[in-house]
């Protein structure tokens, strides 16, 4: 038990850093990894109760935030940088005079 309470924070830190890295790469599953990590945090808080009782609000808030981010990010559809079917528009100066008409 002592080894588990010693090693678990290192594992949780590694998982947190990995999840943040992949969230930066816009991988929606990174938030699921973070949610799984919150389960580890919950286990660690339980094992080290009452010393870690102050982490309960943070664990609950992060769980809600990670779930909300996962919901948001999984709905995001990649948008094309340039739409080839978009009609080219003329270029006008400040007076409205056409300077370039494709």
PDB file of N, CA and C in Angstrom:
ATOM      1  N   UNK A   1       0.832  -1.196   0.000  1.00  0.00           N
ATOM      2  CA  UNK A   1       0.000   0.000   0.000  1.00  0.00           C
ATOM      3  C   UNK A   1       0.871   1.252   0.000  1.00  0.00           C
ATOM      4  N   UNK A   2       1.949   1.214   0.767  1.00  0.00           N
ATOM      5  CA  UNK A   2       2.836   2.372   0.840  1.00  0.00           C
ATOM      6  C   UNK A   2       3.500   2.640  -0.513  1.00  0.00           C
ATOM      7  N   UNK A   3       3.873   1.567  -1.210  1.00  0.00           N
ATOM      8  CA  UNK A   3       4.469   1.725  -2.529  1.00  0.00           C
ATOM      9  C   UNK A   3       3.470   2.321  -3.508  1.00  0.00           C
ATOM     10  N   UNK A   4       2.220   1.897  -3.421  1.00  0.00           N
ATOM     11  CA  UNK A   4       1.178   2.420  -4.307  1.00  0.00           C
ATOM     12  C   UNK A   4       0.957   3.904  -4.069  1.00  0.00           C
ATOM     13  N   UNK A   5       0.858   4.315  -2.821  1.00  0.00           N
ATOM     14  CA  UNK A   5       0.651   5.737  -2.535  1.00  0.00           C
ATOM     15  C   UNK A   5       1.880   6.560  -2.878  1.00  0.00           C
ATOM     16  N   UNK A   6       3.051   5.922  -2.931  1.00  0.00           N
ATOM     17  CA  UNK A   6       4.261   6.617  -3.345  1.00  0.00           C
ATOM     18  C   UNK A   6       4.344   6.736  -4.868  1.00  0.00           C
ATOM     19  N   UNK A   7       4.032   5.671  -5.585  1.00  0.00           N
ATOM     20  CA  UNK A   7       4.215   5.631  -7.040  1.00  0.00           C
ATOM     21  C   UNK A   7       3.070   6.283  -7.810  1.00  0.00           C
ATOM     22  N   UNK A   8       1.870   6.243  -7.264  1.00  0.00           N
ATOM     23  CA  UNK A   8       0.696   6.731  -7.996  1.00  0.00           C
ATOM     24  C   UNK A   8       0.808   8.193  -8.421  1.00  0.00           C
ATOM     25  N   UNK A   9       1.297   9.116  -7.590  1.00  0.00           N
ATOM     26  CA  UNK A   9       1.430  10.504  -8.060  1.00  0.00           C
ATOM     27  C   UNK A   9       2.343  10.653  -9.272  1.00  0.00           C
ATOM     28  N   UNK A  10       3.383   9.826  -9.361  1.00  0.00           N
ATOM     29  CA  UNK A  10       4.273   9.881 -10.525  1.00  0.00           C
ATOM     30  C   UNK A  10       3.552   9.396 -11.784  1.00  0.00           C
ATOM     31  N   UNK A  11       2.773   8.350 -11.647  1.00  0.00           N
ATOM     32  CA  UNK A  11       1.993   7.837 -12.782  1.00  0.00           C
ATOM     33  C   UNK A  11       0.959   8.875 -13.208  1.00  0.00           C
ATOM     34  N   UNK A  12       0.265   9.465 -12.242  1.00  0.00           N
ATOM     35  CA  UNK A  12      -0.756  10.469 -12.558  1.00  0.00           C
ATOM     36  C   UNK A  12      -0.137  11.695 -13.215  1.00  0.00           C
ATOM     37  N   UNK A  13       1.040  12.093 -12.761  1.00  0.00           N
ATOM     38  CA  UNK A  13       1.721  13.231 -13.384  1.00  0.00           C
ATOM     39  C   UNK A  13       2.089  12.927 -14.830  1.00  0.00           C
ATOM     40  N   UNK A  14       2.589  11.735 -15.082  1.00  0.00           N
ATOM     41  CA  UNK A  14       2.952  11.342 -16.446  1.00  0.00           C
ATOM     42  C   UNK A  14       1.722  11.302 -17.350  1.00  0.00           C
ATOM     43  N   UNK A  15       0.627  10.770 -16.835  1.00  0.00           N
ATOM     44  CA  UNK A  15      -0.610  10.707 -17.630  1.00  0.00           C
ATOM     45  C   UNK A  15      -1.133  12.112 -17.891  1.00  0.00           C
ATOM     46  N   UNK A  16      -1.077  13.003 -16.897  1.00  0.00           N
ATOM     47  CA  UNK A  16      -1.529  14.383 -17.068  1.00  0.00           C
ATOM     48  C   UNK A  16      -0.725  15.083 -18.153  1.00  0.00           C
ATOM     49  N   UNK A  17       0.595  14.964 -18.100  1.00  0.00           N
ATOM     50  CA  UNK A  17       1.447  15.615 -19.105  1.00  0.00           C
ATOM     51  C   UNK A  17       1.195  15.046 -20.501  1.00  0.00           C
ATOM     52  N   UNK A  18       0.999  13.746 -20.586  1.00  0.00           N
ATOM     53  CA  UNK A  18       0.700  13.119 -21.869  1.00  0.00           C
ATOM     54  C   UNK A  18      -0.632  13.614 -22.421  1.00  0.00           C
ATOM     55  N   UNK A  19      -1.642  13.692 -21.574  1.00  0.00           N
ATOM     56  CA  UNK A  19      -2.966  14.145 -22.019  1.00  0.00           C
ATOM     57  C   UNK A  19      -2.921  15.598 -22.476  1.00  0.00           C
ATOM     58  N   UNK A  20      -2.213  16.448 -21.753  1.00  0.00           N
ATOM     59  CA  UNK A  20      -2.107  17.861 -22.144  1.00  0.00           C
ATOM     60  C   UNK A  20      -1.365  17.981 -23.476  1.00  0.00           C
ATOM     61  N   UNK A  21      -0.334  17.187 -23.659  1.00  0.00           N
ATOM     62  CA  UNK A  21       0.401  17.206 -24.932  1.00  0.00           C
ATOM     63  C   UNK A  21      -0.534  16.871 -26.095  1.00  0.00           C
ATOM     64  N   UNK A  22      -1.312  15.802 -25.959  1.00  0.00           N
ATOM     65  CA  UNK A  22      -2.193  15.395 -27.046  1.00  0.00           C
ATOM     66  C   UNK A  22      -3.397  16.324 -27.196  1.00  0.00           C
ATOM     67  N   UNK A  23      -3.829  16.960 -26.116  1.00  0.00           N
ATOM     68  CA  UNK A  23      -4.887  17.968 -26.235  1.00  0.00           C
ATOM     69  C   UNK A  23      -4.377  19.155 -27.047  1.00  0.00           C
ATOM     70  N   UNK A  24      -3.090  19.478 -26.891  1.00  0.00           N
ATOM     71  CA  UNK A  24      -2.476  20.536 -27.698  1.00  0.00           C
ATOM     72  C   UNK A  24      -2.430  20.181 -29.175  1.00  0.00           C
ATOM     73  N   UNK A  25      -2.389  18.891 -29.484  1.00  0.00           N
ATOM     74  CA  UNK A  25      -2.445  18.427 -30.867  1.00  0.00           C
ATOM     75  C   UNK A  25      -3.879  18.251 -31.350  1.00  0.00           C
ATOM     76  N   UNK A  26      -4.830  18.712 -30.539  1.00  0.00           N
ATOM     77  CA  UNK A  26      -6.270  18.684 -30.852  1.00  0.00           C
ATOM     78  C   UNK A  26      -6.802  17.265 -31.044  1.00  0.00           C
ATOM     79  N   UNK A  27      -6.364  16.366 -30.192  1.00  0.00           N
ATOM     80  CA  UNK A  27      -6.885  14.997 -30.200  1.00  0.00           C
ATOM     81  C   UNK A  27      -8.023  14.912 -29.185  1.00  0.00           C
ATOM     82  N   UNK A  28      -9.268  14.702 -29.626  1.00  0.00           N
ATOM     83  CA  UNK A  28     -10.389  14.659 -28.673  1.00  0.00           C
ATOM     84  C   UNK A  28     -10.236  13.569 -27.612  1.00  0.00           C
ATOM     85  N   UNK A  29      -9.590  12.456 -27.936  1.00  0.00           N
ATOM     86  CA  UNK A  29      -9.451  11.381 -26.963  1.00  0.00           C
ATOM     87  C   UNK A  29      -8.521  11.750 -25.812  1.00  0.00           C
ATOM     88  N   UNK A  30      -7.783  12.847 -25.948  1.00  0.00           N
ATOM     89  CA  UNK A  30      -6.919  13.288 -24.843  1.00  0.00           C
ATOM     90  C   UNK A  30      -7.752  13.634 -23.616  1.00  0.00           C
ATOM     91  N   UNK A  31      -8.975  14.121 -23.842  1.00  0.00           N
ATOM     92  CA  UNK A  31      -9.846  14.451 -22.708  1.00  0.00           C
ATOM     93  C   UNK A  31     -10.356  13.177 -22.038  1.00  0.00           C
ATOM     94  N   UNK A  32     -10.528  12.111 -22.794  1.00  0.00           N
ATOM     95  CA  UNK A  32     -10.905  10.834 -22.180  1.00  0.00           C
ATOM     96  C   UNK A  32      -9.752  10.292 -21.329  1.00  0.00           C
ATOM     97  N   UNK A  33      -8.543  10.474 -21.806  1.00  0.00           N
ATOM     98  CA  UNK A  33      -7.375  10.086 -21.022  1.00  0.00           C
ATOM     99  C   UNK A  33      -7.334  10.874 -19.712  1.00  0.00           C
ATOM    100  N   UNK A  34      -7.659  12.164 -19.797  1.00  0.00           N
ATOM    101  CA  UNK A  34      -7.706  12.993 -18.595  1.00  0.00           C
ATOM    102  C   UNK A  34      -8.797  12.526 -17.640  1.00  0.00           C
ATOM    103  N   UNK A  35      -9.940  12.127 -18.180  1.00  0.00           N
ATOM    104  CA  UNK A  35     -11.014  11.609 -17.332  1.00  0.00           C
ATOM    105  C   UNK A  35     -10.576  10.327 -16.625  1.00  0.00           C
ATOM    106  N   UNK A  36      -9.915   9.447 -17.339  1.00  0.00           N
ATOM    107  CA  UNK A  36      -9.395   8.225 -16.730  1.00  0.00           C
ATOM    108  C   UNK A  36      -8.403   8.573 -15.626  1.00  0.00           C
ATOM    109  N   UNK A  37      -7.590   9.584 -15.859  1.00  0.00           N
ATOM    110  CA  UNK A  37      -6.615  10.017 -14.864  1.00  0.00           C
ATOM    111  C   UNK A  37      -7.305  10.549 -13.608  1.00  0.00           C
ATOM    112  N   UNK A  38      -8.464  11.167 -13.770  1.00  0.00           N
ATOM    113  CA  UNK A  38      -9.194  11.656 -12.604  1.00  0.00           C
ATOM    114  C   UNK A  38      -9.646  10.490 -11.719  1.00  0.00           C
ATOM    115  N   UNK A  39      -9.924   9.350 -12.319  1.00  0.00           N
ATOM    116  CA  UNK A  39     -10.247   8.161 -11.529  1.00  0.00           C
ATOM    117  C   UNK A  39      -9.047   7.746 -10.678  1.00  0.00           C
ATOM    118  N   UNK A  40      -7.846   7.875 -11.254  1.00  0.00           N
ATOM    119  CA  UNK A  40      -6.639   7.584 -10.481  1.00  0.00           C
ATOM    120  C   UNK A  40      -6.473   8.577  -9.333  1.00  0.00           C
ATOM    121  N   UNK A  41      -6.756   9.847  -9.614  1.00  0.00           N
ATOM    122  CA  UNK A  41      -6.695  10.855  -8.559  1.00  0.00           C
ATOM    123  C   UNK A  41      -7.689  10.527  -7.452  1.00  0.00           C
ATOM    124  N   UNK A  42      -8.884  10.106  -7.824  1.00  0.00           N
ATOM    125  CA  UNK A  42      -9.881   9.724  -6.825  1.00  0.00           C
ATOM    126  C   UNK A  42      -9.402   8.572  -5.965  1.00  0.00           C
ATOM    127  N   UNK A  43      -8.772   7.598  -6.594  1.00  0.00           N
ATOM    128  CA  UNK A  43      -8.232   6.455  -5.845  1.00  0.00           C
ATOM    129  C   UNK A  43      -7.126   6.907  -4.894  1.00  0.00           C
ATOM    130  N   UNK A  44      -6.265   7.785  -5.372  1.00  0.00           N
ATOM    131  CA  UNK A  44      -5.168   8.268  -4.533  1.00  0.00           C
ATOM    132  C   UNK A  44      -5.693   9.079  -3.352  1.00  0.00           C
ATOM    133  N   UNK A  45      -6.704   9.911  -3.597  1.00  0.00           N
ATOM    134  CA  UNK A  45      -7.317  10.683  -2.509  1.00  0.00           C
ATOM    135  C   UNK A  45      -7.917   9.728  -1.476  1.00  0.00           C
ATOM    136  N   UNK A  46      -8.569   8.689  -1.954  1.00  0.00           N
ATOM    137  CA  UNK A  46      -9.166   7.706  -1.042  1.00  0.00           C
ATOM    138  C   UNK A  46      -8.094   7.000  -0.208  1.00  0.00           C
ATOM    139  N   UNK A  47      -6.996   6.623  -0.864  1.00  0.00           N
ATOM    140  CA  UNK A  47      -5.931   5.902  -0.161  1.00  0.00           C
ATOM    141  C   UNK A  47      -5.192   6.770   0.853  1.00  0.00           C
ATOM    142  N   UNK A  48      -5.149   8.064   0.623  1.00  0.00           N
ATOM    143  CA  UNK A  48      -4.393   8.952   1.511  1.00  0.00           C
ATOM    144  C   UNK A  48      -5.309   9.841   2.352  1.00  0.00           C
ATOM    145  N   UNK A  49      -6.563   9.445   2.466  1.00  0.00           N
ATOM    146  CA  UNK A  49      -7.532  10.228   3.258  1.00  0.00           C
ATOM    147  C   UNK A  49      -7.088  10.229   4.712  1.00  0.00           C
ATOM    148  N   UNK A  50      -7.163  11.254   5.472  1.00  0.00           N
ATOM    149  CA  UNK A  50      -7.700  12.596   5.239  1.00  0.00           C
ATOM    150  C   UNK A  50      -6.659  13.616   4.784  1.00  0.00           C
ATOM    151  N   UNK A  51      -5.403  13.198   4.623  1.00  0.00           N
ATOM    152  CA  UNK A  51      -4.356  14.150   4.244  1.00  0.00           C
ATOM    153  C   UNK A  51      -4.650  14.825   2.904  1.00  0.00           C
ATOM    154  N   UNK A  52      -5.224  14.094   1.951  1.00  0.00           N
ATOM    155  CA  UNK A  52      -5.469  14.639   0.610  1.00  0.00           C
ATOM    156  C   UNK A  52      -6.908  15.105   0.423  1.00  0.00           C
ATOM    157  N   UNK A  53      -7.645  15.264   1.505  1.00  0.00           N
ATOM    158  CA  UNK A  53      -9.064  15.628   1.387  1.00  0.00           C
ATOM    159  C   UNK A  53      -9.270  16.980   0.711  1.00  0.00           C
ATOM    160  N   UNK A  54      -8.288  17.856   0.771  1.00  0.00           N
ATOM    161  CA  UNK A  54      -8.397  19.161   0.129  1.00  0.00           C
ATOM    162  C   UNK A  54      -8.386  19.090  -1.390  1.00  0.00           C
ATOM    163  N   UNK A  55      -8.007  17.951  -1.946  1.00  0.00           N
ATOM    164  CA  UNK A  55      -7.974  17.802  -3.402  1.00  0.00           C
ATOM    165  C   UNK A  55      -9.312  17.364  -3.990  1.00  0.00           C
ATOM    166  N   UNK A  56     -10.279  17.039  -3.146  1.00  0.00           N
ATOM    167  CA  UNK A  56     -11.579  16.576  -3.645  1.00  0.00           C
ATOM    168  C   UNK A  56     -12.262  17.620  -4.523  1.00  0.00           C
ATOM    169  N   UNK A  57     -12.361  18.910  -4.102  1.00  0.00           N
ATOM    170  CA  UNK A  57     -13.008  19.892  -4.989  1.00  0.00           C
ATOM    171  C   UNK A  57     -12.314  20.020  -6.341  1.00  0.00           C
ATOM    172  N   UNK A  58     -10.976  20.009  -6.338  1.00  0.00           N
ATOM    173  CA  UNK A  58     -10.244  20.102  -7.601  1.00  0.00           C
ATOM    174  C   UNK A  58     -10.533  18.899  -8.491  1.00  0.00           C
ATOM    175  N   UNK A  59     -10.544  17.727  -7.903  1.00  0.00           N
ATOM    176  CA  UNK A  59     -10.796  16.507  -8.663  1.00  0.00           C
ATOM    177  C   UNK A  59     -12.195  16.536  -9.289  1.00  0.00           C
ATOM    178  N   UNK A  60     -13.179  16.963  -8.520  1.00  0.00           N
ATOM    179  CA  UNK A  60     -14.547  17.040  -9.046  1.00  0.00           C
ATOM    180  C   UNK A  60     -14.667  18.084 -10.156  1.00  0.00           C
ATOM    181  N   UNK A  61     -14.091  19.264  -9.943  1.00  0.00           N
ATOM    182  CA  UNK A  61     -14.170  20.329 -10.952  1.00  0.00           C
ATOM    183  C   UNK A  61     -13.450  19.931 -12.241  1.00  0.00           C
ATOM    184  N   UNK A  62     -12.269  19.334 -12.114  1.00  0.00           N
ATOM    185  CA  UNK A  62     -11.538  18.910 -13.310  1.00  0.00           C
ATOM    186  C   UNK A  62     -12.271  17.802 -14.054  1.00  0.00           C
ATOM    187  N   UNK A  63     -12.927  16.927 -13.331  1.00  0.00           N
ATOM    188  CA  UNK A  63     -13.705  15.871 -13.983  1.00  0.00           C
ATOM    189  C   UNK A  63     -14.810  16.475 -14.837  1.00  0.00           C
ATOM    190  N   UNK A  64     -15.510  17.464 -14.293  1.00  0.00           N
ATOM    191  CA  UNK A  64     -16.575  18.133 -15.055  1.00  0.00           C
ATOM    192  C   UNK A  64     -15.990  18.865 -16.253  1.00  0.00           C
ATOM    193  N   UNK A  65     -14.879  19.582 -16.057  1.00  0.00           N
ATOM    194  CA  UNK A  65     -14.275  20.333 -17.159  1.00  0.00           C
ATOM    195  C   UNK A  65     -13.756  19.411 -18.259  1.00  0.00           C
ATOM    196  N   UNK A  66     -13.130  18.301 -17.887  1.00  0.00           N
ATOM    197  CA  UNK A  66     -12.633  17.361 -18.889  1.00  0.00           C
ATOM    198  C   UNK A  66     -13.788  16.745 -19.671  1.00  0.00           C
ATOM    199  N   UNK A  67     -14.880  16.428 -18.990  1.00  0.00           N
ATOM    200  CA  UNK A  67     -16.042  15.861 -19.683  1.00  0.00           C
ATOM    201  C   UNK A  67     -16.644  16.884 -20.650  1.00  0.00           C
ATOM    202  N   UNK A  68     -16.731  18.134 -20.215  1.00  0.00           N
ATOM    203  CA  UNK A  68     -17.270  19.182 -21.097  1.00  0.00           C
ATOM    204  C   UNK A  68     -16.367  19.397 -22.308  1.00  0.00           C
ATOM    205  N   UNK A  69     -15.057  19.418 -22.099  1.00  0.00           N
ATOM    206  CA  UNK A  69     -14.124  19.598 -23.218  1.00  0.00           C
ATOM    207  C   UNK A  69     -14.192  18.429 -24.187  1.00  0.00           C
ATOM    208  N   UNK A  70     -14.323  17.228 -23.665  1.00  0.00           N
ATOM    209  CA  UNK A  70     -14.448  16.071 -24.558  1.00  0.00           C
ATOM    210  C   UNK A  70     -15.697  16.198 -25.417  1.00  0.00           C
ATOM    211  N   UNK A  71     -16.805  16.620 -24.812  1.00  0.00           N
ATOM    212  CA  UNK A  71     -18.049  16.801 -25.574  1.00  0.00           C
ATOM    213  C   UNK A  71     -17.865  17.856 -26.660  1.00  0.00           C
ATOM    214  N   UNK A  72     -17.219  18.968 -26.326  1.00  0.00           N
ATOM    215  CA  UNK A  72     -17.002  20.043 -27.298  1.00  0.00           C
ATOM    216  C   UNK A  72     -16.082  19.589 -28.432  1.00  0.00           C
ATOM    217  N   UNK A  73     -14.976  18.946 -28.070  1.00  0.00           N
ATOM    218  CA  UNK A  73     -13.957  18.623 -29.057  1.00  0.00           C
ATOM    219  C   UNK A  73     -14.364  17.487 -29.963  1.00  0.00           C
ATOM    220  N   UNK A  74     -15.212  16.607 -29.520  1.00  0.00           N
ATOM    221  CA  UNK A  74     -15.592  15.499 -30.396  1.00  0.00           C
ATOM    222  C   UNK A  74     -16.592  15.947 -31.448  1.00  0.00           C
ATOM    223  N   UNK A  75     -17.236  17.101 -31.280  1.00  0.00           N
ATOM    224  CA  UNK A  75     -18.178  17.637 -32.257  1.00  0.00           C
ATOM    225  C   UNK A  75     -17.501  18.520 -33.293  1.00  0.00           C
ATOM    226  N   UNK A  76     -16.278  18.928 -33.045  1.00  0.00           N
ATOM    227  CA  UNK A  76     -15.580  19.836 -33.949  1.00  0.00           C
ATOM    228  C   UNK A  76     -15.276  19.123 -35.263  1.00  0.00           C
ATOM    229  N   UNK A  77     -15.701  19.729 -36.344  1.00  0.00           N
ATOM    230  CA  UNK A  77     -15.411  19.202 -37.672  1.00  0.00           C
ATOM    231  C   UNK A  77     -14.319  20.061 -38.298  1.00  0.00           C
ATOM    232  N   UNK A  78     -13.309  19.455 -38.867  1.00  0.00           N
ATOM    233  CA  UNK A  78     -12.250  20.254 -39.493  1.00  0.00           C
ATOM    234  C   UNK A  78     -12.794  21.063 -40.661  1.00  0.00           C
ATOM    235  N   UNK A  79     -12.425  22.313 -40.706  1.00  0.00           N
ATOM    236  CA  UNK A  79     -12.848  23.207 -41.764  1.00  0.00           C
ATOM    237  C   UNK A  79     -11.709  23.376 -42.767  1.00  0.00           C
ATOM    238  N   UNK A  80     -12.036  23.399 -44.056  1.00  0.00           N
ATOM    239  CA  UNK A  80     -10.968  23.610 -45.037  1.00  0.00           C
ATOM    240  C   UNK A  80     -10.398  25.021 -44.903  1.00  0.00           C
ATOM    241  N   UNK A  81      -9.098  25.133 -45.130  1.00  0.00           N
ATOM    242  CA  UNK A  81      -8.457  26.437 -45.053  1.00  0.00           C
ATOM    243  C   UNK A  81      -8.915  27.316 -46.212  1.00  0.00           C
ATOM    244  N   UNK A  82      -9.092  26.718 -47.373  1.00  0.00           N
ATOM    245  CA  UNK A  82      -9.504  27.468 -48.551  1.00  0.00           C
ATOM    246  C   UNK A  82     -10.601  26.692 -49.257  1.00  0.00           C
ATOM    247  N   UNK A  83     -11.706  27.338 -49.496  1.00  0.00           N
ATOM    248  CA  UNK A  83     -12.812  26.715 -50.201  1.00  0.00           C
ATOM    249  C   UNK A  83     -12.684  27.059 -51.682  1.00  0.00           C
ATOM    250  N   UNK A  84     -12.367  26.074 -52.491  1.00  0.00           N
ATOM    251  CA  UNK A  84     -12.130  26.309 -53.914  1.00  0.00           C
ATOM    252  C   UNK A  84     -13.406  26.715 -54.648  1.00  0.00           C
ATOM    253  N   UNK A  85     -14.558  26.368 -54.088  1.00  0.00           N
ATOM    254  CA  UNK A  85     -15.819  26.715 -54.731  1.00  0.00           C
ATOM    255  C   UNK A  85     -16.300  28.110 -54.371  1.00  0.00           C
ATOM    256  N   UNK A  86     -15.595  28.782 -53.481  1.00  0.00           N
ATOM    257  CA  UNK A  86     -16.008  30.113 -53.075  1.00  0.00           C
ATOM    258  C   UNK A  86     -15.794  31.095 -54.234  1.00  0.00           C
ATOM    259  N   UNK A  87     -16.777  31.911 -54.479  1.00  0.00           N
ATOM    260  CA  UNK A  87     -16.700  32.890 -55.566  1.00  0.00           C
ATOM    261  C   UNK A  87     -15.700  33.978 -55.210  1.00  0.00           C
ATOM    262  N   UNK A  88     -14.814  34.253 -56.152  1.00  0.00           N
ATOM    263  CA  UNK A  88     -13.875  35.346 -55.936  1.00  0.00           C
ATOM    264  C   UNK A  88     -14.621  36.664 -56.053  1.00  0.00           C
ATOM    265  N   UNK A  89     -14.264  37.557 -55.173  1.00  0.00           N
ATOM    266  CA  UNK A  89     -14.942  38.854 -55.154  1.00  0.00           C
ATOM    267  C   UNK A  89     -14.020  39.923 -55.713  1.00  0.00           C
ATOM    268  N   UNK A  90     -14.648  40.977 -56.216  1.00  0.00           N
ATOM    269  CA  UNK A  90     -13.839  42.087 -56.718  1.00  0.00           C
ATOM    270  C   UNK A  90     -13.228  42.851 -55.544  1.00  0.00           C
ATOM    271  N   UNK A  91     -12.157  43.565 -55.844  1.00  0.00           N
ATOM    272  CA  UNK A  91     -11.463  44.363 -54.846  1.00  0.00           C
ATOM    273  C   UNK A  91     -11.816  45.814 -55.100  1.00  0.00           C
ATOM    274  N   UNK A  92     -12.259  46.496 -54.049  1.00  0.00           N
ATOM    275  CA  UNK A  92     -12.667  47.901 -54.174  1.00  0.00           C
ATOM    276  C   UNK A  92     -11.818  48.777 -53.268  1.00  0.00           C
ATOM    277  N   UNK A  93     -11.663  50.036 -53.684  1.00  0.00           N
ATOM    278  CA  UNK A  93     -10.946  50.964 -52.823  1.00  0.00           C
ATOM    279  C   UNK A  93     -11.921  51.569 -51.820  1.00  0.00           C
ATOM    280  N   UNK A  94     -11.448  52.542 -51.037  1.00  0.00           N
ATOM    281  CA  UNK A  94     -12.279  53.104 -49.975  1.00  0.00           C
ATOM    282  C   UNK A  94     -13.502  53.837 -50.494  1.00  0.00           C
ATOM    283  N   UNK A  95     -13.471  54.267 -51.759  1.00  0.00           N
ATOM    284  CA  UNK A  95     -14.612  54.949 -52.367  1.00  0.00           C
ATOM    285  C   UNK A  95     -15.581  53.997 -53.061  1.00  0.00           C
ATOM    286  N   UNK A  96     -15.248  52.716 -53.065  1.00  0.00           N
ATOM    287  CA  UNK A  96     -16.127  51.745 -53.693  1.00  0.00           C
ATOM    288  C   UNK A  96     -15.843  51.494 -55.166  1.00  0.00           C
ATOM    289  N   UNK A  97     -14.788  52.081 -55.676  1.00  0.00           N
ATOM    290  CA  UNK A  97     -14.427  51.908 -57.085  1.00  0.00           C
ATOM    291  C   UNK A  97     -13.724  50.563 -57.227  1.00  0.00           C
ATOM    292  N   UNK A  98     -14.150  49.752 -58.240  1.00  0.00           N
ATOM    293  CA  UNK A  98     -13.565  48.448 -58.467  1.00  0.00           C
ATOM    294  C   UNK A  98     -12.144  48.608 -58.974  1.00  0.00           C
ATOM    295  N   UNK A  99     -11.203  48.010 -58.224  1.00  0.00           N
ATOM    296  CA  UNK A  99      -9.799  48.061 -58.612  1.00  0.00           C
ATOM    297  C   UNK A  99      -9.379  46.780 -59.316  1.00  0.00           C
ATOM    298  N   UNK A 100     -10.031  45.671 -58.950  1.00  0.00           N
ATOM    299  CA  UNK A 100      -9.686  44.384 -59.538  1.00  0.00           C
ATOM    300  C   UNK A 100     -10.951  43.566 -59.609  1.00  0.00           C
ATOM    301  N   UNK A 101     -11.239  43.025 -60.806  1.00  0.00           N
ATOM    302  CA  UNK A 101     -12.435  42.205 -60.995  1.00  0.00           C
ATOM    303  C   UNK A 101     -12.001  40.893 -61.622  1.00  0.00           C
ATOM    304  N   UNK A 102     -12.009  39.807 -60.854  1.00  0.00           N
ATOM    305  CA  UNK A 102     -11.512  38.530 -61.385  1.00  0.00           C
ATOM    306  C   UNK A 102     -12.329  37.975 -62.477  1.00  0.00           C
TER     307      UNK A 102
END
